[in-house]
Amino acid sequence: MAPSAEDLGRELEATAQDVLGKLKSRQLFQSGWDTAAFVVFITFIGTVLFLLLLVIIHCCCCCDSPRSQKRSPKGVDNLALEP
């Protein structure tokens, strides 16, 4: 059976009070492992955002250049594959 709206409201209020209590006490993490996990998570998010920024810069700067419109074949033909 699904919880009622009143139960959800109480649970949300309890969670908000818990978060506000941790903010007031300035102890957001319970252990060093929590801090390390947070640092790893933030590093991952920062790396993903940095790579996304590089892709956007590459598309904005390089896709409009006239060099990208001329595609010349590179490499050599493999004549061993000819019948």
PDB file of N, CA and C in Angstrom:
ATOM      1  N   MET A   1       0.840  -1.176   0.000  1.00  0.00           N
ATOM      2  CA  MET A   1       0.000   0.000   0.000  1.00  0.00           C
ATOM      3  C   MET A   1       0.888   1.243   0.000  1.00  0.00           C
ATOM      4  N   ALA A   2       0.530   2.229  -0.759  1.00  0.00           N
ATOM      5  CA  ALA A   2       1.319   3.445  -0.890  1.00  0.00           C
ATOM      6  C   ALA A   2       1.164   4.309   0.360  1.00  0.00           C
ATOM      7  N   PRO A   3       2.241   4.961   0.782  1.00  0.00           N
ATOM      8  CA  PRO A   3       2.144   5.852   1.938  1.00  0.00           C
ATOM      9  C   PRO A   3       1.281   7.065   1.605  1.00  0.00           C
ATOM     10  N   SER A   4       0.617   7.561   2.602  1.00  0.00           N
ATOM     11  CA  SER A   4      -0.270   8.706   2.377  1.00  0.00           C
ATOM     12  C   SER A   4       0.543   9.989   2.254  1.00  0.00           C
ATOM     13  N   ALA A   5      -0.107  11.020   1.824  1.00  0.00           N
ATOM     14  CA  ALA A   5       0.545  12.318   1.647  1.00  0.00           C
ATOM     15  C   ALA A   5       1.009  12.870   2.993  1.00  0.00           C
ATOM     16  N   GLU A   6       0.250  12.564   4.041  1.00  0.00           N
ATOM     17  CA  GLU A   6       0.622  13.036   5.375  1.00  0.00           C
ATOM     18  C   GLU A   6       1.923  12.373   5.841  1.00  0.00           C
ATOM     19  N   ASP A   7       2.063  11.060   5.576  1.00  0.00           N
ATOM     20  CA  ASP A   7       3.291  10.357   5.944  1.00  0.00           C
ATOM     21  C   ASP A   7       4.486  10.888   5.156  1.00  0.00           C
ATOM     22  N   LEU A   8       4.281  11.140   3.881  1.00  0.00           N
ATOM     23  CA  LEU A   8       5.355  11.699   3.070  1.00  0.00           C
ATOM     24  C   LEU A   8       5.753  13.081   3.551  1.00  0.00           C
ATOM     25  N   GLY A   9       4.779  13.863   3.948  1.00  0.00           N
ATOM     26  CA  GLY A   9       5.060  15.203   4.472  1.00  0.00           C
ATOM     27  C   GLY A   9       5.883  15.141   5.744  1.00  0.00           C
ATOM     28  N   ARG A  10       5.531  14.216   6.646  1.00  0.00           N
ATOM     29  CA  ARG A  10       6.286  14.063   7.896  1.00  0.00           C
ATOM     30  C   ARG A  10       7.716  13.597   7.604  1.00  0.00           C
ATOM     31  N   GLU A  11       7.860  12.654   6.682  1.00  0.00           N
ATOM     32  CA  GLU A  11       9.189  12.138   6.340  1.00  0.00           C
ATOM     33  C   GLU A  11      10.050  13.220   5.698  1.00  0.00           C
ATOM     34  N   LEU A  12       9.460  13.998   4.832  1.00  0.00           N
ATOM     35  CA  LEU A  12      10.192  15.095   4.196  1.00  0.00           C
ATOM     36  C   LEU A  12      10.602  16.147   5.220  1.00  0.00           C
ATOM     37  N   GLU A  13       9.712  16.448   6.154  1.00  0.00           N
ATOM     38  CA  GLU A  13      10.035  17.426   7.191  1.00  0.00           C
ATOM     39  C   GLU A  13      11.164  16.913   8.096  1.00  0.00           C
ATOM     40  N   ALA A  14      11.127  15.628   8.438  1.00  0.00           N
ATOM     41  CA  ALA A  14      12.183  15.044   9.271  1.00  0.00           C
ATOM     42  C   ALA A  14      13.522  15.075   8.546  1.00  0.00           C
ATOM     43  N   THR A  15      13.513  14.784   7.258  1.00  0.00           N
ATOM     44  CA  THR A  15      14.744  14.826   6.480  1.00  0.00           C
ATOM     45  C   THR A  15      15.282  16.243   6.401  1.00  0.00           C
ATOM     46  N   ALA A  16      14.406  17.212   6.183  1.00  0.00           N
ATOM     47  CA  ALA A  16      14.825  18.615   6.112  1.00  0.00           C
ATOM     48  C   ALA A  16      15.406  19.065   7.448  1.00  0.00           C
ATOM     49  N   GLN A  17      14.794  18.670   8.561  1.00  0.00           N
ATOM     50  CA  GLN A  17      15.308  19.034   9.872  1.00  0.00           C
ATOM     51  C   GLN A  17      16.676  18.402  10.120  1.00  0.00           C
ATOM     52  N   ASP A  18      16.862  17.164   9.668  1.00  0.00           N
ATOM     53  CA  ASP A  18      18.140  16.489   9.822  1.00  0.00           C
ATOM     54  C   ASP A  18      19.231  17.217   9.040  1.00  0.00           C
ATOM     55  N   VAL A  19      18.932  17.597   7.809  1.00  0.00           N
ATOM     56  CA  VAL A  19      19.901  18.315   6.983  1.00  0.00           C
ATOM     57  C   VAL A  19      20.215  19.678   7.587  1.00  0.00           C
ATOM     58  N   LEU A  20      19.200  20.384   8.043  1.00  0.00           N
ATOM     59  CA  LEU A  20      19.428  21.699   8.653  1.00  0.00           C
ATOM     60  C   LEU A  20      20.232  21.578   9.945  1.00  0.00           C
ATOM     61  N   GLY A  21      19.993  20.532  10.718  1.00  0.00           N
ATOM     62  CA  GLY A  21      20.766  20.305  11.935  1.00  0.00           C
ATOM     63  C   GLY A  21      22.227  20.053  11.627  1.00  0.00           C
ATOM     64  N   LYS A  22      22.503  19.286  10.584  1.00  0.00           N
ATOM     65  CA  LYS A  22      23.900  19.034  10.200  1.00  0.00           C
ATOM     66  C   LYS A  22      24.561  20.308   9.694  1.00  0.00           C
ATOM     67  N   LEU A  23      23.809  21.137   8.973  1.00  0.00           N
ATOM     68  CA  LEU A  23      24.372  22.398   8.498  1.00  0.00           C
ATOM     69  C   LEU A  23      24.690  23.329   9.665  1.00  0.00           C
ATOM     70  N   LYS A  24      23.812  23.346  10.673  1.00  0.00           N
ATOM     71  CA  LYS A  24      24.048  24.215  11.826  1.00  0.00           C
ATOM     72  C   LYS A  24      25.249  23.748  12.630  1.00  0.00           C
ATOM     73  N   SER A  25      25.428  22.434  12.725  1.00  0.00           N
ATOM     74  CA  SER A  25      26.556  21.911  13.508  1.00  0.00           C
ATOM     75  C   SER A  25      27.846  21.895  12.704  1.00  0.00           C
ATOM     76  N   ARG A  26      27.771  22.207  11.437  1.00  0.00           N
ATOM     77  CA  ARG A  26      28.915  22.230  10.521  1.00  0.00           C
ATOM     78  C   ARG A  26      29.616  20.880  10.441  1.00  0.00           C
ATOM     79  N   GLN A  27      28.875  19.816  10.645  1.00  0.00           N
ATOM     80  CA  GLN A  27      29.419  18.467  10.507  1.00  0.00           C
ATOM     81  C   GLN A  27      28.534  17.733   9.492  1.00  0.00           C
ATOM     82  N   LEU A  28      28.851  17.939   8.207  1.00  0.00           N
ATOM     83  CA  LEU A  28      28.021  17.373   7.157  1.00  0.00           C
ATOM     84  C   LEU A  28      28.270  15.875   6.980  1.00  0.00           C
ATOM     85  N   PHE A  29      29.485  15.415   7.291  1.00  0.00           N
ATOM     86  CA  PHE A  29      29.833  14.028   7.058  1.00  0.00           C
ATOM     87  C   PHE A  29      30.128  13.346   8.383  1.00  0.00           C
ATOM     88  N   GLN A  30      29.771  12.068   8.465  1.00  0.00           N
ATOM     89  CA  GLN A  30      29.937  11.344   9.719  1.00  0.00           C
ATOM     90  C   GLN A  30      31.329  10.757   9.862  1.00  0.00           C
ATOM     91  N   SER A  31      32.003  10.484   8.756  1.00  0.00           N
ATOM     92  CA  SER A  31      33.320   9.866   8.837  1.00  0.00           C
ATOM     93  C   SER A  31      34.206  10.372   7.703  1.00  0.00           C
ATOM     94  N   GLY A  32      35.453   9.942   7.754  1.00  0.00           N
ATOM     95  CA  GLY A  32      36.381  10.299   6.690  1.00  0.00           C
ATOM     96  C   GLY A  32      35.992   9.673   5.366  1.00  0.00           C
ATOM     97  N   TRP A  33      35.362   8.499   5.442  1.00  0.00           N
ATOM     98  CA  TRP A  33      34.934   7.823   4.213  1.00  0.00           C
ATOM     99  C   TRP A  33      33.848   8.620   3.499  1.00  0.00           C
ATOM    100  N   ASP A  34      32.976   9.246   4.266  1.00  0.00           N
ATOM    101  CA  ASP A  34      31.941  10.086   3.649  1.00  0.00           C
ATOM    102  C   ASP A  34      32.574  11.263   2.913  1.00  0.00           C
ATOM    103  N   THR A  35      33.574  11.861   3.534  1.00  0.00           N
ATOM    104  CA  THR A  35      34.269  12.983   2.911  1.00  0.00           C
ATOM    105  C   THR A  35      34.983  12.529   1.647  1.00  0.00           C
ATOM    106  N   ALA A  36      35.654  11.377   1.714  1.00  0.00           N
ATOM    107  CA  ALA A  36      36.378  10.862   0.545  1.00  0.00           C
ATOM    108  C   ALA A  36      35.414  10.539  -0.593  1.00  0.00           C
ATOM    109  N   ALA A  37      34.280   9.946  -0.273  1.00  0.00           N
ATOM    110  CA  ALA A  37      33.295   9.623  -1.305  1.00  0.00           C
ATOM    111  C   ALA A  37      32.760  10.898  -1.947  1.00  0.00           C
ATOM    112  N   PHE A  38      32.537  11.922  -1.152  1.00  0.00           N
ATOM    113  CA  PHE A  38      32.058  13.198  -1.679  1.00  0.00           C
ATOM    114  C   PHE A  38      33.094  13.822  -2.603  1.00  0.00           C
ATOM    115  N   VAL A  39      34.361  13.763  -2.221  1.00  0.00           N
ATOM    116  CA  VAL A  39      35.433  14.324  -3.054  1.00  0.00           C
ATOM    117  C   VAL A  39      35.525  13.574  -4.377  1.00  0.00           C
ATOM    118  N   VAL A  40      35.422  12.254  -4.338  1.00  0.00           N
ATOM    119  CA  VAL A  40      35.467  11.456  -5.573  1.00  0.00           C
ATOM    120  C   VAL A  40      34.275  11.802  -6.465  1.00  0.00           C
ATOM    121  N   PHE A  41      33.107  11.936  -5.875  1.00  0.00           N
ATOM    122  CA  PHE A  41      31.905  12.272  -6.638  1.00  0.00           C
ATOM    123  C   PHE A  41      32.036  13.647  -7.290  1.00  0.00           C
ATOM    124  N   ILE A  42      32.496  14.628  -6.540  1.00  0.00           N
ATOM    125  CA  ILE A  42      32.647  15.982  -7.084  1.00  0.00           C
ATOM    126  C   ILE A  42      33.717  15.998  -8.176  1.00  0.00           C
ATOM    127  N   THR A  43      34.791  15.228  -7.984  1.00  0.00           N
ATOM    128  CA  THR A  43      35.829  15.141  -9.014  1.00  0.00           C
ATOM    129  C   THR A  43      35.277  14.531 -10.290  1.00  0.00           C
ATOM    130  N   PHE A  44      34.471  13.491 -10.158  1.00  0.00           N
ATOM    131  CA  PHE A  44      33.859  12.862 -11.326  1.00  0.00           C
ATOM    132  C   PHE A  44      32.945  13.837 -12.055  1.00  0.00           C
ATOM    133  N   ILE A  45      32.096  14.526 -11.316  1.00  0.00           N
ATOM    134  CA  ILE A  45      31.178  15.493 -11.935  1.00  0.00           C
ATOM    135  C   ILE A  45      31.972  16.615 -12.611  1.00  0.00           C
ATOM    136  N   GLY A  46      33.028  17.086 -11.961  1.00  0.00           N
ATOM    137  CA  GLY A  46      33.852  18.142 -12.556  1.00  0.00           C
ATOM    138  C   GLY A  46      34.521  17.681 -13.838  1.00  0.00           C
ATOM    139  N   THR A  47      34.994  16.432 -13.857  1.00  0.00           N
ATOM    140  CA  THR A  47      35.629  15.900 -15.065  1.00  0.00           C
ATOM    141  C   THR A  47      34.634  15.789 -16.205  1.00  0.00           C
ATOM    142  N   VAL A  48      33.445  15.308 -15.906  1.00  0.00           N
ATOM    143  CA  VAL A  48      32.413  15.188 -16.942  1.00  0.00           C
ATOM    144  C   VAL A  48      32.046  16.566 -17.486  1.00  0.00           C
ATOM    145  N   LEU A  49      31.883  17.539 -16.619  1.00  0.00           N
ATOM    146  CA  LEU A  49      31.550  18.891 -17.081  1.00  0.00           C
ATOM    147  C   LEU A  49      32.687  19.508 -17.892  1.00  0.00           C
ATOM    148  N   PHE A  50      33.928  19.250 -17.489  1.00  0.00           N
ATOM    149  CA  PHE A  50      35.081  19.752 -18.232  1.00  0.00           C
ATOM    150  C   PHE A  50      35.134  19.144 -19.628  1.00  0.00           C
ATOM    151  N   LEU A  51      34.911  17.837 -19.739  1.00  0.00           N
ATOM    152  CA  LEU A  51      34.912  17.190 -21.048  1.00  0.00           C
ATOM    153  C   LEU A  51      33.768  17.693 -21.915  1.00  0.00           C
ATOM    154  N   LEU A  52      32.627  17.918 -21.315  1.00  0.00           N
ATOM    155  CA  LEU A  52      31.490  18.475 -22.055  1.00  0.00           C
ATOM    156  C   LEU A  52      31.815  19.876 -22.568  1.00  0.00           C
ATOM    157  N   LEU A  53      32.488  20.664 -21.748  1.00  0.00           N
ATOM    158  CA  LEU A  53      32.910  22.003 -22.175  1.00  0.00           C
ATOM    159  C   LEU A  53      33.892  21.920 -23.338  1.00  0.00           C
ATOM    160  N   LEU A  54      34.833  20.972 -23.291  1.00  0.00           N
ATOM    161  CA  LEU A  54      35.764  20.802 -24.400  1.00  0.00           C
ATOM    162  C   LEU A  54      35.052  20.412 -25.689  1.00  0.00           C
ATOM    163  N   VAL A  55      34.060  19.558 -25.595  1.00  0.00           N
ATOM    164  CA  VAL A  55      33.292  19.158 -26.784  1.00  0.00           C
ATOM    165  C   VAL A  55      32.552  20.351 -27.358  1.00  0.00           C
ATOM    166  N   ILE A  56      31.949  21.142 -26.503  1.00  0.00           N
ATOM    167  CA  ILE A  56      31.208  22.321 -26.977  1.00  0.00           C
ATOM    168  C   ILE A  56      32.156  23.322 -27.634  1.00  0.00           C
ATOM    169  N   ILE A  57      33.313  23.540 -27.014  1.00  0.00           N
ATOM    170  CA  ILE A  57      34.296  24.456 -27.608  1.00  0.00           C
ATOM    171  C   ILE A  57      34.774  23.923 -28.954  1.00  0.00           C
ATOM    172  N   HIS A  58      35.027  22.616 -29.023  1.00  0.00           N
ATOM    173  CA  HIS A  58      35.484  22.016 -30.280  1.00  0.00           C
ATOM    174  C   HIS A  58      34.432  22.178 -31.375  1.00  0.00           C
ATOM    175  N   CYS A  59      33.182  21.945 -31.032  1.00  0.00           N
ATOM    176  CA  CYS A  59      32.121  22.066 -32.042  1.00  0.00           C
ATOM    177  C   CYS A  59      31.924  23.509 -32.475  1.00  0.00           C
ATOM    178  N   CYS A  60      32.024  24.443 -31.562  1.00  0.00           N
ATOM    179  CA  CYS A  60      31.806  25.847 -31.909  1.00  0.00           C
ATOM    180  C   CYS A  60      32.969  26.425 -32.707  1.00  0.00           C
ATOM    181  N   CYS A  61      34.183  26.023 -32.390  1.00  0.00           N
ATOM    182  CA  CYS A  61      35.351  26.621 -33.032  1.00  0.00           C
ATOM    183  C   CYS A  61      35.775  25.893 -34.300  1.00  0.00           C
ATOM    184  N   CYS A  62      35.658  24.597 -34.327  1.00  0.00           N
ATOM    185  CA  CYS A  62      36.244  23.819 -35.424  1.00  0.00           C
ATOM    186  C   CYS A  62      35.235  23.391 -36.484  1.00  0.00           C
ATOM    187  N   CYS A  63      33.989  23.307 -36.147  1.00  0.00           N
ATOM    188  CA  CYS A  63      33.001  22.799 -37.112  1.00  0.00           C
ATOM    189  C   CYS A  63      32.672  23.822 -38.194  1.00  0.00           C
ATOM    190  N   ASP A  64      32.883  25.093 -37.928  1.00  0.00           N
ATOM    191  CA  ASP A  64      32.549  26.128 -38.897  1.00  0.00           C
ATOM    192  C   ASP A  64      33.728  26.511 -39.779  1.00  0.00           C
ATOM    193  N   SER A  65      34.894  25.932 -39.545  1.00  0.00           N
ATOM    194  CA  SER A  65      36.065  26.314 -40.321  1.00  0.00           C
ATOM    195  C   SER A  65      35.987  25.714 -41.726  1.00  0.00           C
ATOM    196  N   PRO A  66      36.558  26.386 -42.720  1.00  0.00           N
ATOM    197  CA  PRO A  66      36.505  25.868 -44.093  1.00  0.00           C
ATOM    198  C   PRO A  66      37.311  24.587 -44.263  1.00  0.00           C
ATOM    199  N   ARG A  67      38.287  24.331 -43.397  1.00  0.00           N
ATOM    200  CA  ARG A  67      39.079  23.110 -43.514  1.00  0.00           C
ATOM    201  C   ARG A  67      38.224  21.860 -43.330  1.00  0.00           C
ATOM    202  N   SER A  68      37.222  21.932 -42.480  1.00  0.00           N
ATOM    203  CA  SER A  68      36.432  20.739 -42.199  1.00  0.00           C
ATOM    204  C   SER A  68      35.509  20.367 -43.358  1.00  0.00           C
ATOM    205  N   GLN A  69      35.280  21.303 -44.290  1.00  0.00           N
ATOM    206  CA  GLN A  69      34.404  20.996 -45.417  1.00  0.00           C
ATOM    207  C   GLN A  69      35.142  20.207 -46.490  1.00  0.00           C
ATOM    208  N   LYS A  70      36.460  20.389 -46.617  1.00  0.00           N
ATOM    209  CA  LYS A  70      37.251  19.626 -47.578  1.00  0.00           C
ATOM    210  C   LYS A  70      37.734  18.351 -46.900  1.00  0.00           C
ATOM    211  N   ARG A  71      37.225  17.235 -47.319  1.00  0.00           N
ATOM    212  CA  ARG A  71      37.676  15.961 -46.766  1.00  0.00           C
ATOM    213  C   ARG A  71      38.475  15.247 -47.836  1.00  0.00           C
ATOM    214  N   SER A  72      39.758  15.182 -47.651  1.00  0.00           N
ATOM    215  CA  SER A  72      40.583  14.458 -48.606  1.00  0.00           C
ATOM    216  C   SER A  72      40.887  13.081 -48.024  1.00  0.00           C
ATOM    217  N   PRO A  73      40.899  12.061 -48.869  1.00  0.00           N
ATOM    218  CA  PRO A  73      41.190  10.718 -48.356  1.00  0.00           C
ATOM    219  C   PRO A  73      42.632  10.643 -47.870  1.00  0.00           C
ATOM    220  N   LYS A  74      42.806   9.934 -46.780  1.00  0.00           N
ATOM    221  CA  LYS A  74      44.129   9.797 -46.201  1.00  0.00           C
ATOM    222  C   LYS A  74      44.561   8.354 -46.308  1.00  0.00           C
ATOM    223  N   GLY A  75      45.843   8.143 -46.354  1.00  0.00           N
ATOM    224  CA  GLY A  75      46.369   6.795 -46.425  1.00  0.00           C
ATOM    225  C   GLY A  75      46.602   6.359 -47.863  1.00  0.00           C
ATOM    226  N   VAL A  76      46.908   5.099 -48.033  1.00  0.00           N
ATOM    227  CA  VAL A  76      47.176   4.551 -49.360  1.00  0.00           C
ATOM    228  C   VAL A  76      46.204   3.414 -49.636  1.00  0.00           C
ATOM    229  N   ASP A  77      46.007   3.145 -50.923  1.00  0.00           N
ATOM    230  CA  ASP A  77      45.162   2.015 -51.299  1.00  0.00           C
ATOM    231  C   ASP A  77      45.916   0.719 -51.099  1.00  0.00           C
ATOM    232  N   ASN A  78      45.239  -0.283 -50.581  1.00  0.00           N
ATOM    233  CA  ASN A  78      45.844  -1.583 -50.404  1.00  0.00           C
ATOM    234  C   ASN A  78      45.629  -2.362 -51.685  1.00  0.00           C
ATOM    235  N   LEU A  79      46.658  -2.417 -52.506  1.00  0.00           N
ATOM    236  CA  LEU A  79      46.540  -3.076 -53.796  1.00  0.00           C
ATOM    237  C   LEU A  79      46.481  -4.603 -53.663  1.00  0.00           C
ATOM    238  N   ALA A  80      46.813  -5.139 -52.542  1.00  0.00           N
ATOM    239  CA  ALA A  80      46.745  -6.583 -52.328  1.00  0.00           C
ATOM    240  C   ALA A  80      45.298  -7.075 -52.315  1.00  0.00           C
ATOM    241  N   LEU A  81      44.368  -6.170 -52.055  1.00  0.00           N
ATOM    242  CA  LEU A  81      42.967  -6.562 -52.014  1.00  0.00           C
ATOM    243  C   LEU A  81      42.313  -6.542 -53.390  1.00  0.00           C
ATOM    244  N   GLU A  82      43.022  -6.009 -54.413  1.00  0.00           N
ATOM    245  CA  GLU A  82      42.470  -5.949 -55.760  1.00  0.00           C
ATOM    246  C   GLU A  82      42.443  -7.362 -56.361  1.00  0.00           C
ATOM    247  N   PRO A  83      41.398  -7.698 -57.143  1.00  0.00           N
ATOM    248  CA  PRO A  83      41.341  -9.053 -57.750  1.00  0.00           C
ATOM    249  C   PRO A  83      42.320  -9.221 -58.890  1.00  0.00           C
TER     250      PRO A  83
END
